[in-house]
Amino acid sequence: MDKIRVSLLGATGMVGQKMIRILANHPYIDLVKISASGSRTGKEFGKTVNWIEQGPIPDRYRNMPMVSTSPEDHRDVDYVLSALPPEAAEGIEVKLIKNGINVISNASPFRMSEDVPLINPELNFNHLEILEDKKTKYVKNPNCTSAIMAMPLAEILGIDYSRISIVSMQAISGAGYSGLPYMSIDDNIVPYIHGEEEKIPAEISKMYGSVENGKIKNRKMRINVTSVRVPVKVGHMGVINVETDADPDLEKLKQNMGNFSPLKRFSGLYSAPPHPLVVHEEEDRPQNALDTYNGMEIHIGRISYRDGILRMVVLGNNLVRGAAGITVLTMETMKQMKLI
């Protein structure tokens, strides 16, 4: 099998390191180049990175010289995967696209553009169809919290509801390795994260939108979000309340969530979990310490209905389902759809 040759921008960051770990032994995606800021160009990866991933740097990448973000250094790959911070991503990614280089990106710029698909594969792989006639392909991943909180809604949106309220409790890794000073989060909860409360409803509405005339039309959804930063390393948790008078059958809802597997029509999805939604019956689950280890699954617990409110607690790994893993799964899905 011919492998898909990819390069990685932002390789030294937390998401970049996670992506290197995921791709190190991938059967058909070959990470052949790694890149970071200009000051590190030409230096060996292992000598410049502050490696925080569990286990050692994969041998292949330890001594690999890092390339620049310039299009000239990426013309010989099939796709560029971007784990750049948003302030750097916009200009670099636009330059790559203008030079005919395909990009799949974690960064926020252009997520809401109607001609750029925002992909959470189990929910909206069909949105990738707008790329069929595009010579150069540009794909975005959702915000890490949006990617996680959107997943269980797939089995809820068929219910007649009036409003969805989400309180997200987001791990410090969502802010990057140096994103929060120790003194600001140790023994503390910060009840505000800049931009999150606007991003999450908008992105979920786009993921659940429809394709019309080659563009993505957002679904009209009433979603209120409160975002809170909590002192855990990995795992974004949310409490979702759905206002509805439908009196849903909770056992059927749990069964449907457990059976949710829309990607089973495709073969060769190396990163796709067989059961994307995992339902817990224990009163004290899900928990960050117990339920984020597998990465791509979304864990759901405390499902209840009372006084017109359907409630559940949702948890996902923000570095895998919310970032690096979703990038890889999107590429795998594109291959199966013959878009690569």
C-alpha atoms as a PDB file:
ATOM      1  CA  MET A   1       0.000   0.000   0.000  1.00  0.00           C
ATOM      2  CA  ASP A   2       1.295   3.426  -0.941  1.00  0.00           C
ATOM      3  CA  LYS A   3       1.555   5.511   2.199  1.00  0.00           C
ATOM      4  CA  ILE A   4       0.195   9.037   2.570  1.00  0.00           C
ATOM      5  CA  ARG A   5       3.184  11.318   3.101  1.00  0.00           C
ATOM      6  CA  VAL A   6       2.541  14.089   5.644  1.00  0.00           C
ATOM      7  CA  SER A   7       4.441  16.831   7.412  1.00  0.00           C
ATOM      8  CA  LEU A   8       3.596  18.316  10.802  1.00  0.00           C
ATOM      9  CA  LEU A   9       3.618  21.982  11.791  1.00  0.00           C
ATOM     10  CA  GLY A  10       3.899  22.829  15.486  1.00  0.00           C
ATOM     11  CA  ALA A  11       5.624  19.555  16.246  1.00  0.00           C
ATOM     12  CA  THR A  12       7.136  20.689  19.559  1.00  0.00           C
ATOM     13  CA  GLY A  13       3.824  21.590  21.240  1.00  0.00           C
ATOM     14  CA  MET A  14       1.577  19.292  23.269  1.00  0.00           C
ATOM     15  CA  VAL A  15      -0.729  18.459  20.361  1.00  0.00           C
ATOM     16  CA  GLY A  16       2.203  18.083  17.980  1.00  0.00           C
ATOM     17  CA  GLN A  17       3.916  15.644  20.330  1.00  0.00           C
ATOM     18  CA  LYS A  18       0.705  13.652  20.705  1.00  0.00           C
ATOM     19  CA  MET A  19       0.394  13.488  16.916  1.00  0.00           C
ATOM     20  CA  ILE A  20       3.959  12.212  16.582  1.00  0.00           C
ATOM     21  CA  ARG A  21       3.154   9.503  19.101  1.00  0.00           C
ATOM     22  CA  ILE A  22      -0.020   8.487  17.220  1.00  0.00           C
ATOM     23  CA  LEU A  23       1.642   8.485  13.797  1.00  0.00           C
ATOM     24  CA  ALA A  24       4.895   6.768  14.809  1.00  0.00           C
ATOM     25  CA  ASN A  25       3.531   3.323  13.915  1.00  0.00           C
ATOM     26  CA  HIS A  26       0.614   4.192  11.651  1.00  0.00           C
ATOM     27  CA  PRO A  27       0.129   1.577   8.913  1.00  0.00           C
ATOM     28  CA  TYR A  28      -0.461   3.974   6.007  1.00  0.00           C
ATOM     29  CA  ILE A  29       0.177   7.569   7.098  1.00  0.00           C
ATOM     30  CA  ASP A  30       3.895   8.341   6.963  1.00  0.00           C
ATOM     31  CA  LEU A  31       5.088  11.383   8.932  1.00  0.00           C
ATOM     32  CA  VAL A  32       8.179  12.355   6.942  1.00  0.00           C
ATOM     33  CA  LYS A  33       8.812  15.948   8.062  1.00  0.00           C
ATOM     34  CA  ILE A  34       8.414  17.907  11.277  1.00  0.00           C
ATOM     35  CA  SER A  35       8.431  21.666  11.614  1.00  0.00           C
ATOM     36  CA  ALA A  36       8.409  24.388  14.240  1.00  0.00           C
ATOM     37  CA  SER A  37       9.295  28.067  14.577  1.00  0.00           C
ATOM     38  CA  GLY A  38      12.035  29.626  12.483  1.00  0.00           C
ATOM     39  CA  SER A  39      14.603  29.640  15.282  1.00  0.00           C
ATOM     40  CA  ARG A  40      14.493  25.838  15.387  1.00  0.00           C
ATOM     41  CA  THR A  41      14.742  25.199  11.637  1.00  0.00           C
ATOM     42  CA  GLY A  42      17.580  22.796  10.866  1.00  0.00           C
ATOM     43  CA  LYS A  43      18.001  21.645  14.468  1.00  0.00           C
ATOM     44  CA  GLU A  44      17.465  18.046  15.495  1.00  0.00           C
ATOM     45  CA  PHE A  45      14.032  17.511  16.977  1.00  0.00           C
ATOM     46  CA  GLY A  46      15.277  15.684  20.060  1.00  0.00           C
ATOM     47  CA  LYS A  47      17.704  18.469  20.924  1.00  0.00           C
ATOM     48  CA  THR A  48      15.174  21.300  20.771  1.00  0.00           C
ATOM     49  CA  VAL A  49      11.880  19.836  21.989  1.00  0.00           C
ATOM     50  CA  ASN A  50      10.757  19.813  25.617  1.00  0.00           C
ATOM     51  CA  TRP A  51       9.320  16.303  25.315  1.00  0.00           C
ATOM     52  CA  ILE A  52       6.435  15.789  27.774  1.00  0.00           C
ATOM     53  CA  GLU A  53       4.656  12.851  26.143  1.00  0.00           C
ATOM     54  CA  GLN A  54       4.792   9.577  28.067  1.00  0.00           C
ATOM     55  CA  GLY A  55       7.674   7.385  26.975  1.00  0.00           C
ATOM     56  CA  PRO A  56      10.702   8.366  24.875  1.00  0.00           C
ATOM     57  CA  ILE A  57      10.688  10.245  21.590  1.00  0.00           C
ATOM     58  CA  PRO A  58      10.114   7.713  18.792  1.00  0.00           C
ATOM     59  CA  ASP A  59      13.548   6.806  17.405  1.00  0.00           C
ATOM     60  CA  ARG A  60      12.782   7.933  13.868  1.00  0.00           C
ATOM     61  CA  TYR A  61      12.174  11.522  14.940  1.00  0.00           C
ATOM     62  CA  ARG A  62      14.806  11.983  17.626  1.00  0.00           C
ATOM     63  CA  ASN A  63      17.548  13.072  15.219  1.00  0.00           C
ATOM     64  CA  MET A  64      15.322  14.373  12.396  1.00  0.00           C
ATOM     65  CA  PRO A  65      16.219  17.956  11.362  1.00  0.00           C
ATOM     66  CA  MET A  66      13.266  20.306  11.602  1.00  0.00           C
ATOM     67  CA  VAL A  67      12.102  22.138   8.484  1.00  0.00           C
ATOM     68  CA  SER A  68      10.590  25.598   8.152  1.00  0.00           C
ATOM     69  CA  THR A  69       6.909  26.414   7.686  1.00  0.00           C
ATOM     70  CA  SER A  70       7.590  27.779   4.196  1.00  0.00           C
ATOM     71  CA  PRO A  71       5.703  26.096   1.315  1.00  0.00           C
ATOM     72  CA  GLU A  72       9.053  25.231  -0.296  1.00  0.00           C
ATOM     73  CA  ASP A  73       9.725  22.743   2.508  1.00  0.00           C
ATOM     74  CA  HIS A  74       6.351  20.996   2.103  1.00  0.00           C
ATOM     75  CA  ARG A  75       5.807  20.632  -1.639  1.00  0.00           C
ATOM     76  CA  ASP A  76       6.774  16.952  -1.652  1.00  0.00           C
ATOM     77  CA  VAL A  77       4.148  15.796   0.881  1.00  0.00           C
ATOM     78  CA  ASP A  78       0.513  14.866   0.273  1.00  0.00           C
ATOM     79  CA  TYR A  79      -0.812  16.796   3.286  1.00  0.00           C
ATOM     80  CA  VAL A  80       0.396  19.186   5.920  1.00  0.00           C
ATOM     81  CA  LEU A  81      -1.017  18.599   9.413  1.00  0.00           C
ATOM     82  CA  SER A  82      -1.089  21.764  11.492  1.00  0.00           C
ATOM     83  CA  ALA A  83      -0.858  21.904  15.269  1.00  0.00           C
ATOM     84  CA  LEU A  84       0.156  25.560  15.245  1.00  0.00           C
ATOM     85  CA  PRO A  85      -1.181  28.098  17.744  1.00  0.00           C
ATOM     86  CA  PRO A  86      -3.904  30.292  16.187  1.00  0.00           C
ATOM     87  CA  GLU A  87      -1.819  33.460  16.089  1.00  0.00           C
ATOM     88  CA  ALA A  88       0.749  31.723  13.861  1.00  0.00           C
ATOM     89  CA  ALA A  89      -1.554  29.422  11.935  1.00  0.00           C
ATOM     90  CA  GLU A  90      -3.587  31.851   9.853  1.00  0.00           C
ATOM     91  CA  GLY A  91      -0.813  33.359   7.772  1.00  0.00           C
ATOM     92  CA  ILE A  92       1.185  30.147   7.421  1.00  0.00           C
ATOM     93  CA  GLU A  93      -1.779  27.985   6.433  1.00  0.00           C
ATOM     94  CA  VAL A  94      -3.117  30.514   3.914  1.00  0.00           C
ATOM     95  CA  LYS A  95       0.309  30.629   2.264  1.00  0.00           C
ATOM     96  CA  LEU A  96       0.394  26.828   2.024  1.00  0.00           C
ATOM     97  CA  ILE A  97      -3.102  26.669   0.506  1.00  0.00           C
ATOM     98  CA  LYS A  98      -2.269  29.402  -2.017  1.00  0.00           C
ATOM     99  CA  ASN A  99       0.720  27.312  -3.050  1.00  0.00           C
ATOM    100  CA  GLY A 100      -1.461  24.270  -3.723  1.00  0.00           C
ATOM    101  CA  ILE A 101      -0.553  22.359  -0.558  1.00  0.00           C
ATOM    102  CA  ASN A 102      -3.344  20.466   1.250  1.00  0.00           C
ATOM    103  CA  VAL A 103      -3.809  21.241   4.957  1.00  0.00           C
ATOM    104  CA  ILE A 104      -5.689  19.629   7.857  1.00  0.00           C
ATOM    105  CA  SER A 105      -5.537  21.963  10.836  1.00  0.00           C
ATOM    106  CA  ASN A 106      -6.309  22.102  14.542  1.00  0.00           C
ATOM    107  CA  ALA A 107      -6.076  25.894  14.654  1.00  0.00           C
ATOM    108  CA  SER A 108      -9.110  28.153  14.998  1.00  0.00           C
ATOM    109  CA  PRO A 109      -8.763  30.562  12.018  1.00  0.00           C
ATOM    110  CA  PHE A 110     -11.306  29.785   9.242  1.00  0.00           C
ATOM    111  CA  ARG A 111     -13.168  27.158  11.284  1.00  0.00           C
ATOM    112  CA  MET A 112     -16.421  28.980  10.609  1.00  0.00           C
ATOM    113  CA  SER A 113     -15.840  29.624   6.888  1.00  0.00           C
ATOM    114  CA  GLU A 114     -18.730  28.104   4.945  1.00  0.00           C
ATOM    115  CA  ASP A 115     -16.425  26.558   2.332  1.00  0.00           C
ATOM    116  CA  VAL A 116     -14.041  24.958   4.872  1.00  0.00           C
ATOM    117  CA  PRO A 117     -15.391  21.729   6.419  1.00  0.00           C
ATOM    118  CA  LEU A 118     -15.180  21.497  10.227  1.00  0.00           C
ATOM    119  CA  ILE A 119     -14.927  17.770  10.781  1.00  0.00           C
ATOM    120  CA  ASN A 120     -15.715  15.487  13.705  1.00  0.00           C
ATOM    121  CA  PRO A 121     -15.779  12.312  11.581  1.00  0.00           C
ATOM    122  CA  GLU A 122     -18.533  10.339  13.324  1.00  0.00           C
ATOM    123  CA  LEU A 123     -20.845  13.345  13.178  1.00  0.00           C
ATOM    124  CA  ASN A 124     -20.326  14.931   9.783  1.00  0.00           C
ATOM    125  CA  PHE A 125     -17.943  13.039   7.527  1.00  0.00           C
ATOM    126  CA  ASN A 126     -20.399  13.825   4.724  1.00  0.00           C
ATOM    127  CA  HIS A 127     -19.308  17.496   4.895  1.00  0.00           C
ATOM    128  CA  LEU A 128     -16.020  16.344   3.345  1.00  0.00           C
ATOM    129  CA  GLU A 129     -17.915  15.903   0.083  1.00  0.00           C
ATOM    130  CA  ILE A 130     -17.578  19.629  -0.607  1.00  0.00           C
ATOM    131  CA  LEU A 131     -13.875  18.959  -1.231  1.00  0.00           C
ATOM    132  CA  GLU A 132     -14.457  16.619  -4.180  1.00  0.00           C
ATOM    133  CA  ASP A 133     -13.992  19.297  -6.838  1.00  0.00           C
ATOM    134  CA  LYS A 134     -11.325  21.285  -4.998  1.00  0.00           C
ATOM    135  CA  LYS A 135      -7.784  20.927  -6.276  1.00  0.00           C
ATOM    136  CA  THR A 136      -6.357  22.033  -2.933  1.00  0.00           C
ATOM    137  CA  LYS A 137      -8.077  20.770   0.204  1.00  0.00           C
ATOM    138  CA  TYR A 138      -8.353  22.682   3.485  1.00  0.00           C
ATOM    139  CA  VAL A 139      -9.982  20.985   6.489  1.00  0.00           C
ATOM    140  CA  LYS A 140     -10.423  22.146  10.073  1.00  0.00           C
ATOM    141  CA  ASN A 141     -10.860  20.258  13.340  1.00  0.00           C
ATOM    142  CA  PRO A 142     -13.243  21.669  15.960  1.00  0.00           C
ATOM    143  CA  ASN A 143     -12.170  23.261  19.200  1.00  0.00           C
ATOM    144  CA  CYS A 144     -11.269  20.511  21.681  1.00  0.00           C
ATOM    145  CA  THR A 145     -14.330  21.115  23.867  1.00  0.00           C
ATOM    146  CA  SER A 146     -16.683  21.422  20.888  1.00  0.00           C
ATOM    147  CA  ALA A 147     -15.427  18.097  19.519  1.00  0.00           C
ATOM    148  CA  ILE A 148     -16.164  16.335  22.810  1.00  0.00           C
ATOM    149  CA  MET A 149     -19.476  17.941  23.776  1.00  0.00           C
ATOM    150  CA  ALA A 150     -20.932  17.574  20.277  1.00  0.00           C
ATOM    151  CA  MET A 151     -20.619  13.790  20.210  1.00  0.00           C
ATOM    152  CA  PRO A 152     -23.491  12.675  22.513  1.00  0.00           C
ATOM    153  CA  LEU A 153     -25.832  15.210  20.914  1.00  0.00           C
ATOM    154  CA  ALA A 154     -26.009  12.900  17.892  1.00  0.00           C
ATOM    155  CA  GLU A 155     -28.455  10.737  19.846  1.00  0.00           C
ATOM    156  CA  ILE A 156     -30.297  13.661  21.440  1.00  0.00           C
ATOM    157  CA  LEU A 157     -31.132  16.040  18.603  1.00  0.00           C
ATOM    158  CA  GLY A 158     -33.989  13.842  17.426  1.00  0.00           C
ATOM    159  CA  ILE A 159     -35.779  14.750  20.652  1.00  0.00           C
ATOM    160  CA  ASP A 160     -38.035  17.805  20.624  1.00  0.00           C
ATOM    161  CA  TYR A 161     -36.038  20.233  22.769  1.00  0.00           C
ATOM    162  CA  SER A 162     -36.045  23.980  23.399  1.00  0.00           C
ATOM    163  CA  ARG A 163     -32.531  24.721  24.657  1.00  0.00           C
ATOM    164  CA  ILE A 164     -29.209  23.046  25.460  1.00  0.00           C
ATOM    165  CA  SER A 165     -27.035  24.304  28.325  1.00  0.00           C
ATOM    166  CA  ILE A 166     -23.441  23.145  28.775  1.00  0.00           C
ATOM    167  CA  VAL A 167     -21.055  23.778  31.644  1.00  0.00           C
ATOM    168  CA  SER A 168     -17.573  22.712  30.530  1.00  0.00           C
ATOM    169  CA  MET A 169     -14.817  21.952  33.036  1.00  0.00           C
ATOM    170  CA  GLN A 170     -11.656  22.099  30.954  1.00  0.00           C
ATOM    171  CA  ALA A 171      -8.222  20.673  31.770  1.00  0.00           C
ATOM    172  CA  ILE A 172      -5.212  22.956  31.898  1.00  0.00           C
ATOM    173  CA  SER A 173      -3.624  21.150  28.914  1.00  0.00           C
ATOM    174  CA  GLY A 174      -6.273  22.844  26.785  1.00  0.00           C
ATOM    175  CA  ALA A 175      -4.329  26.068  27.270  1.00  0.00           C
ATOM    176  CA  GLY A 176      -1.047  24.533  26.106  1.00  0.00           C
ATOM    177  CA  TYR A 177       2.023  23.551  28.106  1.00  0.00           C
ATOM    178  CA  SER A 178       2.777  27.110  29.232  1.00  0.00           C
ATOM    179  CA  GLY A 179      -0.736  28.486  28.858  1.00  0.00           C
ATOM    180  CA  LEU A 180      -1.516  28.943  32.547  1.00  0.00           C
ATOM    181  CA  PRO A 181       0.881  30.076  35.294  1.00  0.00           C
ATOM    182  CA  TYR A 182       1.072  27.570  38.136  1.00  0.00           C
ATOM    183  CA  MET A 183      -0.049  30.135  40.695  1.00  0.00           C
ATOM    184  CA  SER A 184      -3.222  30.929  38.748  1.00  0.00           C
ATOM    185  CA  ILE A 185      -4.565  27.358  38.661  1.00  0.00           C
ATOM    186  CA  ASP A 186      -3.043  25.506  41.621  1.00  0.00           C
ATOM    187  CA  ASP A 187      -5.804  24.822  44.165  1.00  0.00           C
ATOM    188  CA  ASN A 188      -8.063  27.047  42.076  1.00  0.00           C
ATOM    189  CA  ILE A 189     -10.895  27.078  39.530  1.00  0.00           C
ATOM    190  CA  VAL A 190     -11.050  29.866  36.944  1.00  0.00           C
ATOM    191  CA  PRO A 191     -14.676  30.474  35.844  1.00  0.00           C
ATOM    192  CA  TYR A 192     -13.875  31.960  32.437  1.00  0.00           C
ATOM    193  CA  ILE A 193     -11.924  30.933  29.331  1.00  0.00           C
ATOM    194  CA  HIS A 194     -11.552  33.601  26.665  1.00  0.00           C
ATOM    195  CA  GLY A 195     -13.588  32.914  23.527  1.00  0.00           C
ATOM    196  CA  GLU A 196     -14.810  29.442  24.500  1.00  0.00           C
ATOM    197  CA  GLU A 197     -18.390  30.356  25.288  1.00  0.00           C
ATOM    198  CA  GLU A 198     -18.819  31.786  21.797  1.00  0.00           C
ATOM    199  CA  LYS A 199     -16.818  29.134  19.898  1.00  0.00           C
ATOM    200  CA  ILE A 200     -18.536  26.058  21.263  1.00  0.00           C
ATOM    201  CA  PRO A 201     -22.155  26.832  20.240  1.00  0.00           C
ATOM    202  CA  ALA A 202     -21.051  28.140  16.846  1.00  0.00           C
ATOM    203  CA  GLU A 203     -18.903  25.124  16.067  1.00  0.00           C
ATOM    204  CA  ILE A 204     -21.490  22.588  17.207  1.00  0.00           C
ATOM    205  CA  SER A 205     -24.057  24.335  15.014  1.00  0.00           C
ATOM    206  CA  LYS A 206     -21.704  24.015  12.044  1.00  0.00           C
ATOM    207  CA  MET A 207     -20.894  20.352  12.689  1.00  0.00           C
ATOM    208  CA  TYR A 208     -24.624  19.585  12.709  1.00  0.00           C
ATOM    209  CA  GLY A 209     -25.237  21.763   9.660  1.00  0.00           C
ATOM    210  CA  SER A 210     -26.037  20.687   6.127  1.00  0.00           C
ATOM    211  CA  VAL A 211     -24.317  20.869   2.750  1.00  0.00           C
ATOM    212  CA  GLU A 212     -26.081  23.203   0.341  1.00  0.00           C
ATOM    213  CA  ASN A 213     -24.609  24.153  -3.044  1.00  0.00           C
ATOM    214  CA  GLY A 214     -21.115  23.185  -1.981  1.00  0.00           C
ATOM    215  CA  LYS A 215     -21.236  25.237   1.235  1.00  0.00           C
ATOM    216  CA  ILE A 216     -21.892  24.379   4.874  1.00  0.00           C
ATOM    217  CA  LYS A 217     -25.085  25.889   6.257  1.00  0.00           C
ATOM    218  CA  ASN A 218     -25.151  25.938  10.061  1.00  0.00           C
ATOM    219  CA  ARG A 219     -28.017  24.309  11.919  1.00  0.00           C
ATOM    220  CA  LYS A 220     -30.065  26.675  14.081  1.00  0.00           C
ATOM    221  CA  MET A 221     -29.485  25.555  17.658  1.00  0.00           C
ATOM    222  CA  ARG A 222     -30.051  27.254  21.026  1.00  0.00           C
ATOM    223  CA  ILE A 223     -26.957  26.431  23.068  1.00  0.00           C
ATOM    224  CA  ASN A 224     -25.714  28.286  26.153  1.00  0.00           C
ATOM    225  CA  VAL A 225     -22.203  27.544  27.400  1.00  0.00           C
ATOM    226  CA  THR A 226     -20.295  28.343  30.591  1.00  0.00           C
ATOM    227  CA  SER A 227     -16.584  27.455  30.389  1.00  0.00           C
ATOM    228  CA  VAL A 228     -14.455  26.834  33.479  1.00  0.00           C
ATOM    229  CA  ARG A 229     -10.765  25.952  33.787  1.00  0.00           C
ATOM    230  CA  VAL A 230     -10.092  23.271  36.419  1.00  0.00           C
ATOM    231  CA  PRO A 231      -6.794  21.973  37.873  1.00  0.00           C
ATOM    232  CA  VAL A 232      -6.577  18.621  36.097  1.00  0.00           C
ATOM    233  CA  LYS A 233      -3.992  17.835  33.415  1.00  0.00           C
ATOM    234  CA  VAL A 234      -6.035  16.064  30.739  1.00  0.00           C
ATOM    235  CA  GLY A 235      -9.721  15.611  30.013  1.00  0.00           C
ATOM    236  CA  HIS A 236     -12.525  18.070  29.351  1.00  0.00           C
ATOM    237  CA  MET A 237     -15.726  17.310  31.238  1.00  0.00           C
ATOM    238  CA  GLY A 238     -19.117  18.848  30.636  1.00  0.00           C
ATOM    239  CA  VAL A 239     -22.537  18.809  32.224  1.00  0.00           C
ATOM    240  CA  ILE A 240     -25.153  18.944  29.464  1.00  0.00           C
ATOM    241  CA  ASN A 241     -28.746  19.911  30.269  1.00  0.00           C
ATOM    242  CA  VAL A 242     -31.338  19.583  27.515  1.00  0.00           C
ATOM    243  CA  GLU A 243     -34.661  21.329  28.127  1.00  0.00           C
ATOM    244  CA  THR A 244     -37.405  19.065  26.765  1.00  0.00           C
ATOM    245  CA  ASP A 245     -40.948  17.961  27.542  1.00  0.00           C
ATOM    246  CA  ALA A 246     -40.512  14.797  25.477  1.00  0.00           C
ATOM    247  CA  ASP A 247     -39.968  12.532  28.543  1.00  0.00           C
ATOM    248  CA  PRO A 248     -37.296  10.463  26.764  1.00  0.00           C
ATOM    249  CA  ASP A 249     -36.881   6.725  27.232  1.00  0.00           C
ATOM    250  CA  LEU A 250     -33.542   6.714  29.075  1.00  0.00           C
ATOM    251  CA  GLU A 251     -32.830   3.018  28.589  1.00  0.00           C
ATOM    252  CA  LYS A 252     -33.366   3.334  24.845  1.00  0.00           C
ATOM    253  CA  LEU A 253     -31.194   6.445  24.786  1.00  0.00           C
ATOM    254  CA  LYS A 254     -28.366   4.610  26.551  1.00  0.00           C
ATOM    255  CA  GLN A 255     -28.720   1.670  24.175  1.00  0.00           C
ATOM    256  CA  ASN A 256     -28.595   3.966  21.146  1.00  0.00           C
ATOM    257  CA  MET A 257     -25.490   5.668  22.487  1.00  0.00           C
ATOM    258  CA  GLY A 258     -23.785   2.336  23.043  1.00  0.00           C
ATOM    259  CA  ASN A 259     -24.630   1.271  19.487  1.00  0.00           C
ATOM    260  CA  PHE A 260     -23.572   4.570  17.914  1.00  0.00           C
ATOM    261  CA  SER A 261     -21.000   3.701  15.257  1.00  0.00           C
ATOM    262  CA  PRO A 262     -21.578   5.650  12.025  1.00  0.00           C
ATOM    263  CA  LEU A 263     -18.082   5.002  10.676  1.00  0.00           C
ATOM    264  CA  LYS A 264     -18.518   1.226  10.573  1.00  0.00           C
ATOM    265  CA  ARG A 265     -19.376   1.564   6.874  1.00  0.00           C
ATOM    266  CA  PHE A 266     -15.684   2.297   6.267  1.00  0.00           C
ATOM    267  CA  SER A 267     -12.804  -0.138   6.597  1.00  0.00           C
ATOM    268  CA  GLY A 268      -9.239   0.756   7.488  1.00  0.00           C
ATOM    269  CA  LEU A 269     -10.004   3.463  10.054  1.00  0.00           C
ATOM    270  CA  TYR A 270      -7.052   2.717  12.280  1.00  0.00           C
ATOM    271  CA  SER A 271      -7.916   5.461  14.801  1.00  0.00           C
ATOM    272  CA  ALA A 272     -11.693   4.966  15.024  1.00  0.00           C
ATOM    273  CA  PRO A 273     -12.916   3.486  18.323  1.00  0.00           C
ATOM    274  CA  PRO A 274     -15.414   0.650  17.829  1.00  0.00           C
ATOM    275  CA  HIS A 275     -17.707   2.309  20.379  1.00  0.00           C
ATOM    276  CA  PRO A 276     -17.266   6.101  20.214  1.00  0.00           C
ATOM    277  CA  LEU A 277     -19.794   6.680  23.033  1.00  0.00           C
ATOM    278  CA  VAL A 278     -19.243   4.748  26.267  1.00  0.00           C
ATOM    279  CA  VAL A 279     -22.114   4.881  28.763  1.00  0.00           C
ATOM    280  CA  HIS A 280     -21.377   4.407  32.475  1.00  0.00           C
ATOM    281  CA  GLU A 281     -24.013   3.289  34.969  1.00  0.00           C
ATOM    282  CA  GLU A 282     -21.993   4.060  38.109  1.00  0.00           C
ATOM    283  CA  GLU A 283     -23.101   7.189  39.939  1.00  0.00           C
ATOM    284  CA  ASP A 284     -19.556   8.559  40.176  1.00  0.00           C
ATOM    285  CA  ARG A 285     -18.484   8.121  36.541  1.00  0.00           C
ATOM    286  CA  PRO A 286     -17.024   9.315  34.257  1.00  0.00           C
ATOM    287  CA  GLN A 287     -13.819  10.511  35.946  1.00  0.00           C
ATOM    288  CA  ASN A 288     -10.702  12.077  34.474  1.00  0.00           C
ATOM    289  CA  ALA A 289      -8.435   9.668  36.344  1.00  0.00           C
ATOM    290  CA  LEU A 290     -10.289   6.598  35.069  1.00  0.00           C
ATOM    291  CA  ASP A 291     -11.881   7.345  31.736  1.00  0.00           C
ATOM    292  CA  THR A 292      -9.606   9.326  29.419  1.00  0.00           C
ATOM    293  CA  TYR A 293      -6.922   6.684  28.810  1.00  0.00           C
ATOM    294  CA  ASN A 294      -8.242   5.278  25.503  1.00  0.00           C
ATOM    295  CA  GLY A 295      -8.284   8.670  23.911  1.00  0.00           C
ATOM    296  CA  MET A 296     -10.903   8.745  21.181  1.00  0.00           C
ATOM    297  CA  GLU A 297     -13.932   7.528  23.138  1.00  0.00           C
ATOM    298  CA  ILE A 298     -16.415   9.904  24.740  1.00  0.00           C
ATOM    299  CA  HIS A 299     -17.529   8.793  28.201  1.00  0.00           C
ATOM    300  CA  ILE A 300     -21.067   9.579  29.373  1.00  0.00           C
ATOM    301  CA  GLY A 301     -22.648   9.106  32.784  1.00  0.00           C
ATOM    302  CA  ARG A 302     -25.322  10.310  35.199  1.00  0.00           C
ATOM    303  CA  ILE A 303     -27.987  10.290  32.487  1.00  0.00           C
ATOM    304  CA  SER A 304     -31.268  11.367  34.063  1.00  0.00           C
ATOM    305  CA  TYR A 305     -34.534  13.143  33.299  1.00  0.00           C
ATOM    306  CA  ARG A 306     -36.405  15.275  35.802  1.00  0.00           C
ATOM    307  CA  ASP A 307     -38.666  18.334  35.629  1.00  0.00           C
ATOM    308  CA  GLY A 308     -38.193  18.805  31.889  1.00  0.00           C
ATOM    309  CA  ILE A 309     -34.374  18.512  31.982  1.00  0.00           C
ATOM    310  CA  LEU A 310     -32.426  15.671  30.365  1.00  0.00           C
ATOM    311  CA  ARG A 311     -29.018  15.716  32.054  1.00  0.00           C
ATOM    312  CA  MET A 312     -25.748  13.920  31.457  1.00  0.00           C
ATOM    313  CA  VAL A 313     -22.054  14.237  32.307  1.00  0.00           C
ATOM    314  CA  VAL A 314     -19.660  13.963  29.366  1.00  0.00           C
ATOM    315  CA  LEU A 315     -15.874  13.469  29.346  1.00  0.00           C
ATOM    316  CA  GLY A 316     -13.275  13.223  26.598  1.00  0.00           C
ATOM    317  CA  ASN A 317      -9.533  13.406  26.105  1.00  0.00           C
ATOM    318  CA  ASN A 318      -8.906  16.925  24.831  1.00  0.00           C
ATOM    319  CA  LEU A 319      -5.478  16.105  23.358  1.00  0.00           C
ATOM    320  CA  VAL A 320      -6.668  13.059  21.416  1.00  0.00           C
ATOM    321  CA  ARG A 321     -10.381  13.284  20.536  1.00  0.00           C
ATOM    322  CA  GLY A 322     -10.136  17.049  20.802  1.00  0.00           C
ATOM    323  CA  ALA A 323      -6.971  17.520  18.738  1.00  0.00           C
ATOM    324  CA  ALA A 324      -4.332  15.051  17.510  1.00  0.00           C
ATOM    325  CA  GLY A 325      -6.486  11.933  17.210  1.00  0.00           C
ATOM    326  CA  ILE A 326      -9.319  13.674  15.395  1.00  0.00           C
ATOM    327  CA  THR A 327      -6.806  14.977  12.817  1.00  0.00           C
ATOM    328  CA  VAL A 328      -5.598  11.477  12.067  1.00  0.00           C
ATOM    329  CA  LEU A 329      -9.104   9.995  11.972  1.00  0.00           C
ATOM    330  CA  THR A 330     -10.208  12.742   9.574  1.00  0.00           C
ATOM    331  CA  MET A 331      -7.358  11.867   7.217  1.00  0.00           C
ATOM    332  CA  GLU A 332      -8.175   8.159   7.449  1.00  0.00           C
ATOM    333  CA  THR A 333     -11.810   8.911   6.626  1.00  0.00           C
ATOM    334  CA  MET A 334     -10.830  11.086   3.670  1.00  0.00           C
ATOM    335  CA  LYS A 335      -8.768   8.205   2.315  1.00  0.00           C
ATOM    336  CA  GLN A 336     -11.727   5.830   2.553  1.00  0.00           C
ATOM    337  CA  MET A 337     -13.907   8.414   0.802  1.00  0.00           C
ATOM    338  CA  LYS A 338     -11.299   8.562  -1.990  1.00  0.00           C
ATOM    339  CA  LEU A 339     -10.582  12.224  -1.312  1.00  0.00           C
ATOM    340  CA  ILE A 340      -6.891  11.406  -0.914  1.00  0.00           C
END
